[in-house]
PDB file of N, CA and C in Angstrom:
ATOM      1  N   UNK A   1       0.853  -1.161   0.000  1.00  0.00           N
ATOM      2  CA  UNK A   1       0.000   0.000   0.000  1.00  0.00           C
ATOM      3  C   UNK A   1       0.902   1.226   0.000  1.00  0.00           C
ATOM      4  N   UNK A   2       0.617   2.141  -0.886  1.00  0.00           N
ATOM      5  CA  UNK A   2       1.397   3.371  -0.911  1.00  0.00           C
ATOM      6  C   UNK A   2       0.658   4.456  -0.164  1.00  0.00           C
ATOM      7  N   UNK A   3       1.374   5.482   0.202  1.00  0.00           N
ATOM      8  CA  UNK A   3       0.769   6.564   0.968  1.00  0.00           C
ATOM      9  C   UNK A   3      -0.365   7.223   0.208  1.00  0.00           C
ATOM     10  N   UNK A   4      -0.278   7.254  -1.113  1.00  0.00           N
ATOM     11  CA  UNK A   4      -1.316   7.932  -1.890  1.00  0.00           C
ATOM     12  C   UNK A   4      -2.643   7.192  -1.862  1.00  0.00           C
ATOM     13  N   UNK A   5      -2.646   5.925  -1.460  1.00  0.00           N
ATOM     14  CA  UNK A   5      -3.898   5.176  -1.418  1.00  0.00           C
ATOM     15  C   UNK A   5      -4.636   5.336  -0.094  1.00  0.00           C
ATOM     16  N   UNK A   6      -3.993   5.958   0.881  1.00  0.00           N
ATOM     17  CA  UNK A   6      -4.632   6.124   2.182  1.00  0.00           C
ATOM     18  C   UNK A   6      -5.638   7.268   2.131  1.00  0.00           C
ATOM     19  N   UNK A   7      -6.750   7.088   2.800  1.00  0.00           N
ATOM     20  CA  UNK A   7      -7.821   8.070   2.719  1.00  0.00           C
ATOM     21  C   UNK A   7      -7.642   9.247   3.659  1.00  0.00           C
ATOM     22  N   UNK A   8      -6.747   9.178   4.617  1.00  0.00           N
ATOM     23  CA  UNK A   8      -6.637  10.260   5.580  1.00  0.00           C
ATOM     24  C   UNK A   8      -5.447  11.176   5.336  1.00  0.00           C
ATOM     25  N   UNK A   9      -4.827  11.085   4.171  1.00  0.00           N
ATOM     26  CA  UNK A   9      -3.779  12.018   3.813  1.00  0.00           C
ATOM     27  C   UNK A   9      -2.421  11.696   4.392  1.00  0.00           C
ATOM     28  N   UNK A  10      -2.179  10.467   4.761  1.00  0.00           N
ATOM     29  CA  UNK A  10      -0.898  10.071   5.306  1.00  0.00           C
ATOM     30  C   UNK A  10       0.117  10.032   4.172  1.00  0.00           C
ATOM     31  N   UNK A  11       1.262  10.659   4.370  1.00  0.00           N
ATOM     32  CA  UNK A  11       2.334  10.585   3.385  1.00  0.00           C
ATOM     33  C   UNK A  11       3.565  10.007   4.057  1.00  0.00           C
ATOM     34  N   UNK A  12       4.503   9.553   3.248  1.00  0.00           N
ATOM     35  CA  UNK A  12       5.704   8.940   3.801  1.00  0.00           C
ATOM     36  C   UNK A  12       6.934   9.720   3.387  1.00  0.00           C
ATOM     37  N   UNK A  13       7.942   9.653   4.212  1.00  0.00           N
ATOM     38  CA  UNK A  13       9.205  10.317   3.960  1.00  0.00           C
ATOM     39  C   UNK A  13      10.304   9.302   4.214  1.00  0.00           C
ATOM     40  N   UNK A  14      11.264   9.237   3.308  1.00  0.00           N
ATOM     41  CA  UNK A  14      12.384   8.321   3.506  1.00  0.00           C
ATOM     42  C   UNK A  14      13.346   8.911   4.518  1.00  0.00           C
ATOM     43  N   UNK A  15      13.951   8.048   5.289  1.00  0.00           N
ATOM     44  CA  UNK A  15      14.956   8.477   6.253  1.00  0.00           C
ATOM     45  C   UNK A  15      16.184   7.611   6.100  1.00  0.00           C
ATOM     46  N   UNK A  16      17.330   8.153   6.404  1.00  0.00           N
ATOM     47  CA  UNK A  16      18.580   7.413   6.302  1.00  0.00           C
ATOM     48  C   UNK A  16      18.790   6.521   7.503  1.00  0.00           C
ATOM     49  N   UNK A  17      20.024   6.179   7.754  1.00  0.00           N
ATOM     50  CA  UNK A  17      20.368   5.296   8.855  1.00  0.00           C
ATOM     51  C   UNK A  17      20.489   6.026  10.182  1.00  0.00           C
ATOM     52  N   UNK A  18      20.389   7.358  10.180  1.00  0.00           N
ATOM     53  CA  UNK A  18      20.563   8.117  11.404  1.00  0.00           C
ATOM     54  C   UNK A  18      19.396   7.927  12.358  1.00  0.00           C
ATOM     55  N   UNK A  19      19.677   7.936  13.656  1.00  0.00           N
ATOM     56  CA  UNK A  19      18.598   7.889  14.644  1.00  0.00           C
ATOM     57  C   UNK A  19      17.722   9.135  14.528  1.00  0.00           C
ATOM     58  N   UNK A  20      16.500   9.031  14.979  1.00  0.00           N
ATOM     59  CA  UNK A  20      15.612  10.181  14.974  1.00  0.00           C
ATOM     60  C   UNK A  20      14.759  10.158  16.219  1.00  0.00           C
ATOM     61  N   UNK A  21      14.086  11.265  16.492  1.00  0.00           N
ATOM     62  CA  UNK A  21      13.253  11.389  17.680  1.00  0.00           C
ATOM     63  C   UNK A  21      11.923  10.675  17.475  1.00  0.00           C
ATOM     64  N   UNK A  22      11.367  10.144  18.550  1.00  0.00           N
ATOM     65  CA  UNK A  22      10.131   9.373  18.446  1.00  0.00           C
ATOM     66  C   UNK A  22       8.973  10.192  17.896  1.00  0.00           C
ATOM     67  N   UNK A  23       8.953  11.504  18.144  1.00  0.00           N
ATOM     68  CA  UNK A  23       7.849  12.312  17.615  1.00  0.00           C
ATOM     69  C   UNK A  23       8.009  12.602  16.128  1.00  0.00           C
ATOM     70  N   UNK A  24       9.112  12.152  15.527  1.00  0.00           N
ATOM     71  CA  UNK A  24       9.300  12.302  14.089  1.00  0.00           C
ATOM     72  C   UNK A  24       8.688  11.151  13.306  1.00  0.00           C
ATOM     73  N   UNK A  25       8.265  10.096  13.970  1.00  0.00           N
ATOM     74  CA  UNK A  25       7.651   8.965  13.272  1.00  0.00           C
ATOM     75  C   UNK A  25       6.383   9.429  12.567  1.00  0.00           C
ATOM     76  N   UNK A  26       5.591  10.210  13.257  1.00  0.00           N
ATOM     77  CA  UNK A  26       4.348  10.724  12.683  1.00  0.00           C
ATOM     78  C   UNK A  26       4.207  12.188  13.075  1.00  0.00           C
ATOM     79  N   UNK A  27       4.119  13.049  12.061  1.00  0.00           N
ATOM     80  CA  UNK A  27       3.983  14.491  12.282  1.00  0.00           C
ATOM     81  C   UNK A  27       2.855  15.024  11.424  1.00  0.00           C
ATOM     82  N   UNK A  28       2.369  16.201  11.782  1.00  0.00           N
ATOM     83  CA  UNK A  28       1.372  16.859  10.956  1.00  0.00           C
ATOM     84  C   UNK A  28       2.074  17.896  10.095  1.00  0.00           C
ATOM     85  N   UNK A  29       1.801  17.850   8.809  1.00  0.00           N
ATOM     86  CA  UNK A  29       2.406  18.800   7.890  1.00  0.00           C
ATOM     87  C   UNK A  29       1.676  20.134   7.958  1.00  0.00           C
ATOM     88  N   UNK A  30       2.237  21.127   7.296  1.00  0.00           N
ATOM     89  CA  UNK A  30       1.618  22.454   7.265  1.00  0.00           C
ATOM     90  C   UNK A  30       0.240  22.448   6.620  1.00  0.00           C
ATOM     91  N   UNK A  31       0.008  21.521   5.714  1.00  0.00           N
ATOM     92  CA  UNK A  31      -1.288  21.471   5.032  1.00  0.00           C
ATOM     93  C   UNK A  31      -2.312  20.623   5.780  1.00  0.00           C
ATOM     94  N   UNK A  32      -1.942  20.090   6.946  1.00  0.00           N
ATOM     95  CA  UNK A  32      -2.899  19.369   7.774  1.00  0.00           C
ATOM     96  C   UNK A  32      -2.933  17.872   7.589  1.00  0.00           C
ATOM     97  N   UNK A  33      -2.067  17.317   6.740  1.00  0.00           N
ATOM     98  CA  UNK A  33      -2.034  15.865   6.591  1.00  0.00           C
ATOM     99  C   UNK A  33      -0.914  15.307   7.463  1.00  0.00           C
ATOM    100  N   UNK A  34      -0.954  14.021   7.715  1.00  0.00           N
ATOM    101  CA  UNK A  34       0.053  13.382   8.533  1.00  0.00           C
ATOM    102  C   UNK A  34       1.205  12.920   7.656  1.00  0.00           C
ATOM    103  N   UNK A  35       2.409  12.984   8.199  1.00  0.00           N
ATOM    104  CA  UNK A  35       3.604  12.531   7.505  1.00  0.00           C
ATOM    105  C   UNK A  35       4.244  11.422   8.322  1.00  0.00           C
ATOM    106  N   UNK A  36       4.411  10.270   7.708  1.00  0.00           N
ATOM    107  CA  UNK A  36       4.981   9.098   8.356  1.00  0.00           C
ATOM    108  C   UNK A  36       6.430   8.932   7.922  1.00  0.00           C
ATOM    109  N   UNK A  37       7.326   8.814   8.896  1.00  0.00           N
ATOM    110  CA  UNK A  37       8.749   8.614   8.631  1.00  0.00           C
ATOM    111  C   UNK A  37       9.223   7.445   9.478  1.00  0.00           C
ATOM    112  N   UNK A  38       9.551   6.353   8.813  1.00  0.00           N
ATOM    113  CA  UNK A  38      10.015   5.167   9.533  1.00  0.00           C
ATOM    114  C   UNK A  38      11.509   4.946   9.319  1.00  0.00           C
ATOM    115  N   UNK A  39      12.170   4.373  10.298  1.00  0.00           N
ATOM    116  CA  UNK A  39      13.571   3.997  10.123  1.00  0.00           C
ATOM    117  C   UNK A  39      13.687   2.969   8.996  1.00  0.00           C
ATOM    118  N   UNK A  40      14.810   2.964   8.339  1.00  0.00           N
ATOM    119  CA  UNK A  40      15.005   2.067   7.200  1.00  0.00           C
ATOM    120  C   UNK A  40      14.804   0.594   7.588  1.00  0.00           C
ATOM    121  N   UNK A  41      15.114   0.240   8.833  1.00  0.00           N
ATOM    122  CA  UNK A  41      14.967  -1.145   9.276  1.00  0.00           C
ATOM    123  C   UNK A  41      13.505  -1.598   9.274  1.00  0.00           C
ATOM    124  N   UNK A  42      12.578  -0.667   9.365  1.00  0.00           N
ATOM    125  CA  UNK A  42      11.156  -1.021   9.429  1.00  0.00           C
ATOM    126  C   UNK A  42      10.407  -0.712   8.139  1.00  0.00           C
ATOM    127  N   UNK A  43      11.073  -0.160   7.142  1.00  0.00           N
ATOM    128  CA  UNK A  43      10.415   0.237   5.896  1.00  0.00           C
ATOM    129  C   UNK A  43       9.663  -0.913   5.231  1.00  0.00           C
ATOM    130  N   UNK A  44      10.205  -2.109   5.288  1.00  0.00           N
ATOM    131  CA  UNK A  44       9.548  -3.232   4.616  1.00  0.00           C
ATOM    132  C   UNK A  44       8.222  -3.608   5.278  1.00  0.00           C
ATOM    133  N   UNK A  45       7.990  -3.132   6.490  1.00  0.00           N
ATOM    134  CA  UNK A  45       6.747  -3.414   7.209  1.00  0.00           C
ATOM    135  C   UNK A  45       5.821  -2.189   7.260  1.00  0.00           C
ATOM    136  N   UNK A  46       6.191  -1.138   6.569  1.00  0.00           N
ATOM    137  CA  UNK A  46       5.467   0.125   6.647  1.00  0.00           C
ATOM    138  C   UNK A  46       3.989  -0.008   6.287  1.00  0.00           C
ATOM    139  N   UNK A  47       3.676  -0.859   5.328  1.00  0.00           N
ATOM    140  CA  UNK A  47       2.284  -1.034   4.919  1.00  0.00           C
ATOM    141  C   UNK A  47       1.402  -1.471   6.092  1.00  0.00           C
ATOM    142  N   UNK A  48       1.972  -2.210   7.039  1.00  0.00           N
ATOM    143  CA  UNK A  48       1.202  -2.647   8.202  1.00  0.00           C
ATOM    144  C   UNK A  48       0.790  -1.457   9.070  1.00  0.00           C
ATOM    145  N   UNK A  49       1.724  -0.547   9.318  1.00  0.00           N
ATOM    146  CA  UNK A  49       1.413   0.636  10.119  1.00  0.00           C
ATOM    147  C   UNK A  49       0.457   1.554   9.380  1.00  0.00           C
ATOM    148  N   UNK A  50       0.654   1.731   8.087  1.00  0.00           N
ATOM    149  CA  UNK A  50      -0.250   2.565   7.295  1.00  0.00           C
ATOM    150  C   UNK A  50      -1.675   2.019   7.365  1.00  0.00           C
ATOM    151  N   UNK A  51      -1.797   0.717   7.246  1.00  0.00           N
ATOM    152  CA  UNK A  51      -3.113   0.080   7.303  1.00  0.00           C
ATOM    153  C   UNK A  51      -3.764   0.277   8.670  1.00  0.00           C
ATOM    154  N   UNK A  52      -2.989   0.106   9.733  1.00  0.00           N
ATOM    155  CA  UNK A  52      -3.501   0.282  11.089  1.00  0.00           C
ATOM    156  C   UNK A  52      -3.956   1.725  11.314  1.00  0.00           C
ATOM    157  N   UNK A  53      -3.123   2.682  10.928  1.00  0.00           N
ATOM    158  CA  UNK A  53      -3.491   4.097  11.088  1.00  0.00           C
ATOM    159  C   UNK A  53      -4.715   4.433  10.262  1.00  0.00           C
ATOM    160  N   UNK A  54      -4.813   3.856   9.084  1.00  0.00           N
ATOM    161  CA  UNK A  54      -5.964   4.112   8.220  1.00  0.00           C
ATOM    162  C   UNK A  54      -7.248   3.567   8.848  1.00  0.00           C
ATOM    163  N   UNK A  55      -7.177   2.386   9.448  1.00  0.00           N
ATOM    164  CA  UNK A  55      -8.351   1.801  10.094  1.00  0.00           C
ATOM    165  C   UNK A  55      -8.817   2.646  11.276  1.00  0.00           C
ATOM    166  N   UNK A  56      -7.875   3.086  12.091  1.00  0.00           N
ATOM    167  CA  UNK A  56      -8.220   3.790  13.322  1.00  0.00           C
ATOM    168  C   UNK A  56      -8.599   5.245  13.066  1.00  0.00           C
ATOM    169  N   UNK A  57      -7.902   5.899  12.143  1.00  0.00           N
ATOM    170  CA  UNK A  57      -8.074   7.343  11.974  1.00  0.00           C
ATOM    171  C   UNK A  57      -8.618   7.748  10.604  1.00  0.00           C
ATOM    172  N   UNK A  58      -9.266   6.874   9.905  1.00  0.00           N
ATOM    173  CA  UNK A  58      -9.800   7.178   8.577  1.00  0.00           C
ATOM    174  C   UNK A  58     -10.655   8.443   8.629  1.00  0.00           C
ATOM    175  N   UNK A  59     -10.214   9.449   7.880  1.00  0.00           N
ATOM    176  CA  UNK A  59     -10.976  10.689   7.798  1.00  0.00           C
ATOM    177  C   UNK A  59     -10.882  11.569   9.028  1.00  0.00           C
ATOM    178  N   UNK A  60     -10.064  11.190  10.005  1.00  0.00           N
ATOM    179  CA  UNK A  60      -9.964  11.969  11.246  1.00  0.00           C
ATOM    180  C   UNK A  60      -8.520  12.399  11.506  1.00  0.00           C
ATOM    181  N   UNK A  61      -7.890  12.920  10.493  1.00  0.00           N
ATOM    182  CA  UNK A  61      -6.515  13.400  10.583  1.00  0.00           C
ATOM    183  C   UNK A  61      -6.562  14.821  11.127  1.00  0.00           C
ATOM    184  N   UNK A  62      -6.448  14.956  12.430  1.00  0.00           N
ATOM    185  CA  UNK A  62      -6.568  16.278  13.047  1.00  0.00           C
ATOM    186  C   UNK A  62      -5.539  16.450  14.153  1.00  0.00           C
ATOM    187  N   UNK A  63      -5.370  17.692  14.602  1.00  0.00           N
ATOM    188  CA  UNK A  63      -4.470  17.964  15.727  1.00  0.00           C
ATOM    189  C   UNK A  63      -4.892  17.177  16.968  1.00  0.00           C
ATOM    190  N   UNK A  64      -6.198  17.063  17.173  1.00  0.00           N
ATOM    191  CA  UNK A  64      -6.718  16.388  18.356  1.00  0.00           C
ATOM    192  C   UNK A  64      -6.339  14.904  18.373  1.00  0.00           C
ATOM    193  N   UNK A  65      -6.253  14.291  17.213  1.00  0.00           N
ATOM    194  CA  UNK A  65      -5.931  12.872  17.122  1.00  0.00           C
ATOM    195  C   UNK A  65      -4.444  12.604  16.931  1.00  0.00           C
ATOM    196  N   UNK A  66      -3.664  13.640  16.686  1.00  0.00           N
ATOM    197  CA  UNK A  66      -2.251  13.447  16.369  1.00  0.00           C
ATOM    198  C   UNK A  66      -1.480  12.771  17.510  1.00  0.00           C
ATOM    199  N   UNK A  67      -1.658  13.218  18.728  1.00  0.00           N
ATOM    200  CA  UNK A  67      -0.921  12.628  19.858  1.00  0.00           C
ATOM    201  C   UNK A  67      -1.251  11.145  20.013  1.00  0.00           C
ATOM    202  N   UNK A  68      -2.503  10.790  19.853  1.00  0.00           N
ATOM    203  CA  UNK A  68      -2.904   9.386  19.949  1.00  0.00           C
ATOM    204  C   UNK A  68      -2.305   8.579  18.800  1.00  0.00           C
ATOM    205  N   UNK A  69      -2.325   9.136  17.610  1.00  0.00           N
ATOM    206  CA  UNK A  69      -1.754   8.454  16.447  1.00  0.00           C
ATOM    207  C   UNK A  69      -0.238   8.308  16.598  1.00  0.00           C
ATOM    208  N   UNK A  70       0.417   9.314  17.155  1.00  0.00           N
ATOM    209  CA  UNK A  70       1.859   9.230  17.389  1.00  0.00           C
ATOM    210  C   UNK A  70       2.183   8.118  18.378  1.00  0.00           C
ATOM    211  N   UNK A  71       1.404   8.009  19.427  1.00  0.00           N
ATOM    212  CA  UNK A  71       1.643   6.948  20.411  1.00  0.00           C
ATOM    213  C   UNK A  71       1.394   5.585  19.794  1.00  0.00           C
ATOM    214  N   UNK A  72       0.364   5.459  18.981  1.00  0.00           N
ATOM    215  CA  UNK A  72       0.076   4.208  18.291  1.00  0.00           C
ATOM    216  C   UNK A  72       1.243   3.835  17.371  1.00  0.00           C
ATOM    217  N   UNK A  73       1.761   4.803  16.631  1.00  0.00           N
ATOM    218  CA  UNK A  73       2.878   4.547  15.724  1.00  0.00           C
ATOM    219  C   UNK A  73       4.137   4.154  16.496  1.00  0.00           C
ATOM    220  N   UNK A  74       4.397   4.831  17.590  1.00  0.00           N
ATOM    221  CA  UNK A  74       5.560   4.507  18.419  1.00  0.00           C
ATOM    222  C   UNK A  74       5.442   3.096  18.996  1.00  0.00           C
ATOM    223  N   UNK A  75       4.275   2.767  19.516  1.00  0.00           N
ATOM    224  CA  UNK A  75       4.046   1.416  20.059  1.00  0.00           C
ATOM    225  C   UNK A  75       4.209   0.357  18.975  1.00  0.00           C
ATOM    226  N   UNK A  76       3.701   0.655  17.770  1.00  0.00           N
ATOM    227  CA  UNK A  76       3.839  -0.286  16.657  1.00  0.00           C
ATOM    228  C   UNK A  76       5.311  -0.507  16.340  1.00  0.00           C
ATOM    229  N   UNK A  77       6.092   0.571  16.285  1.00  0.00           N
ATOM    230  CA  UNK A  77       7.530   0.461  15.997  1.00  0.00           C
ATOM    231  C   UNK A  77       8.233  -0.396  17.044  1.00  0.00           C
ATOM    232  N   UNK A  78       7.927  -0.151  18.302  1.00  0.00           N
ATOM    233  CA  UNK A  78       8.545  -0.932  19.374  1.00  0.00           C
ATOM    234  C   UNK A  78       8.178  -2.412  19.250  1.00  0.00           C
ATOM    235  N   UNK A  79       6.924  -2.683  18.988  1.00  0.00           N
ATOM    236  CA  UNK A  79       6.451  -4.056  18.845  1.00  0.00           C
ATOM    237  C   UNK A  79       7.087  -4.739  17.635  1.00  0.00           C
ATOM    238  N   UNK A  80       7.163  -4.014  16.522  1.00  0.00           N
ATOM    239  CA  UNK A  80       7.741  -4.587  15.308  1.00  0.00           C
ATOM    240  C   UNK A  80       9.231  -4.875  15.501  1.00  0.00           C
ATOM    241  N   UNK A  81       9.916  -4.014  16.222  1.00  0.00           N
ATOM    242  CA  UNK A  81      11.335  -4.269  16.526  1.00  0.00           C
ATOM    243  C   UNK A  81      11.475  -5.546  17.341  1.00  0.00           C
ATOM    244  N   UNK A  82      10.636  -5.705  18.328  1.00  0.00           N
ATOM    245  CA  UNK A  82      10.687  -6.904  19.175  1.00  0.00           C
ATOM    246  C   UNK A  82      10.415  -8.159  18.340  1.00  0.00           C
ATOM    247  N   UNK A  83       9.411  -8.091  17.448  1.00  0.00           N
ATOM    248  CA  UNK A  83       9.061  -9.233  16.602  1.00  0.00           C
ATOM    249  C   UNK A  83      10.181  -9.617  15.650  1.00  0.00           C
ATOM    250  N   UNK A  84      10.901  -8.622  15.148  1.00  0.00           N
ATOM    251  CA  UNK A  84      11.918  -8.873  14.131  1.00  0.00           C
ATOM    252  C   UNK A  84      13.333  -8.975  14.698  1.00  0.00           C
ATOM    253  N   UNK A  85      13.465  -8.822  16.019  1.00  0.00           N
ATOM    254  CA  UNK A  85      14.768  -8.945  16.645  1.00  0.00           C
ATOM    255  C   UNK A  85      15.657  -7.724  16.501  1.00  0.00           C
ATOM    256  N   UNK A  86      15.080  -6.587  16.165  1.00  0.00           N
ATOM    257  CA  UNK A  86      15.834  -5.337  16.047  1.00  0.00           C
ATOM    258  C   UNK A  86      15.874  -4.624  17.393  1.00  0.00           C
ATOM    259  N   UNK A  87      16.874  -3.817  17.576  1.00  0.00           N
ATOM    260  CA  UNK A  87      16.976  -3.019  18.793  1.00  0.00           C
ATOM    261  C   UNK A  87      16.327  -1.663  18.554  1.00  0.00           C
ATOM    262  N   UNK A  88      15.247  -1.395  19.233  1.00  0.00           N
ATOM    263  CA  UNK A  88      14.539  -0.116  19.103  1.00  0.00           C
ATOM    264  C   UNK A  88      15.446   1.033  19.502  1.00  0.00           C
ATOM    265  N   UNK A  89      16.276   0.838  20.509  1.00  0.00           N
ATOM    266  CA  UNK A  89      17.169   1.873  20.995  1.00  0.00           C
ATOM    267  C   UNK A  89      18.240   2.267  19.986  1.00  0.00           C
ATOM    268  N   UNK A  90      18.529   1.391  19.024  1.00  0.00           N
ATOM    269  CA  UNK A  90      19.565   1.691  18.034  1.00  0.00           C
ATOM    270  C   UNK A  90      19.184   2.815  17.081  1.00  0.00           C
ATOM    271  N   UNK A  91      17.890   3.018  16.864  1.00  0.00           N
ATOM    272  CA  UNK A  91      17.530   4.041  15.900  1.00  0.00           C
ATOM    273  C   UNK A  91      16.631   5.134  16.445  1.00  0.00           C
ATOM    274  N   UNK A  92      16.268   5.078  17.697  1.00  0.00           N
ATOM    275  CA  UNK A  92      15.389   6.101  18.281  1.00  0.00           C
ATOM    276  C   UNK A  92      16.140   6.857  19.370  1.00  0.00           C
ATOM    277  N   UNK A  93      15.892   8.135  19.492  1.00  0.00           N
ATOM    278  CA  UNK A  93      16.506   8.957  20.544  1.00  0.00           C
ATOM    279  C   UNK A  93      15.427   9.396  21.494  1.00  0.00           C
TER     280      UNK A  93
END
């Protein structure tokens, strides 16, 4: 699933191997849509998170829901790291 197929305006941004802050996983852009940025280690599983966010927040991409969506995305990343044997601490600050 690509970002353009999501109904709530979620877009994706590529990131390098550098660590990033947890609030950078999901941000609200200036135009009001959400921007998803996953570490390269989790990119192959990105469709799973996009699908989950789409189910929970379809049509409700707002400031009020952003904090909840960010926590959901962070929890998903932590869980996916555990499932795949990756160290979450290696890429998150």
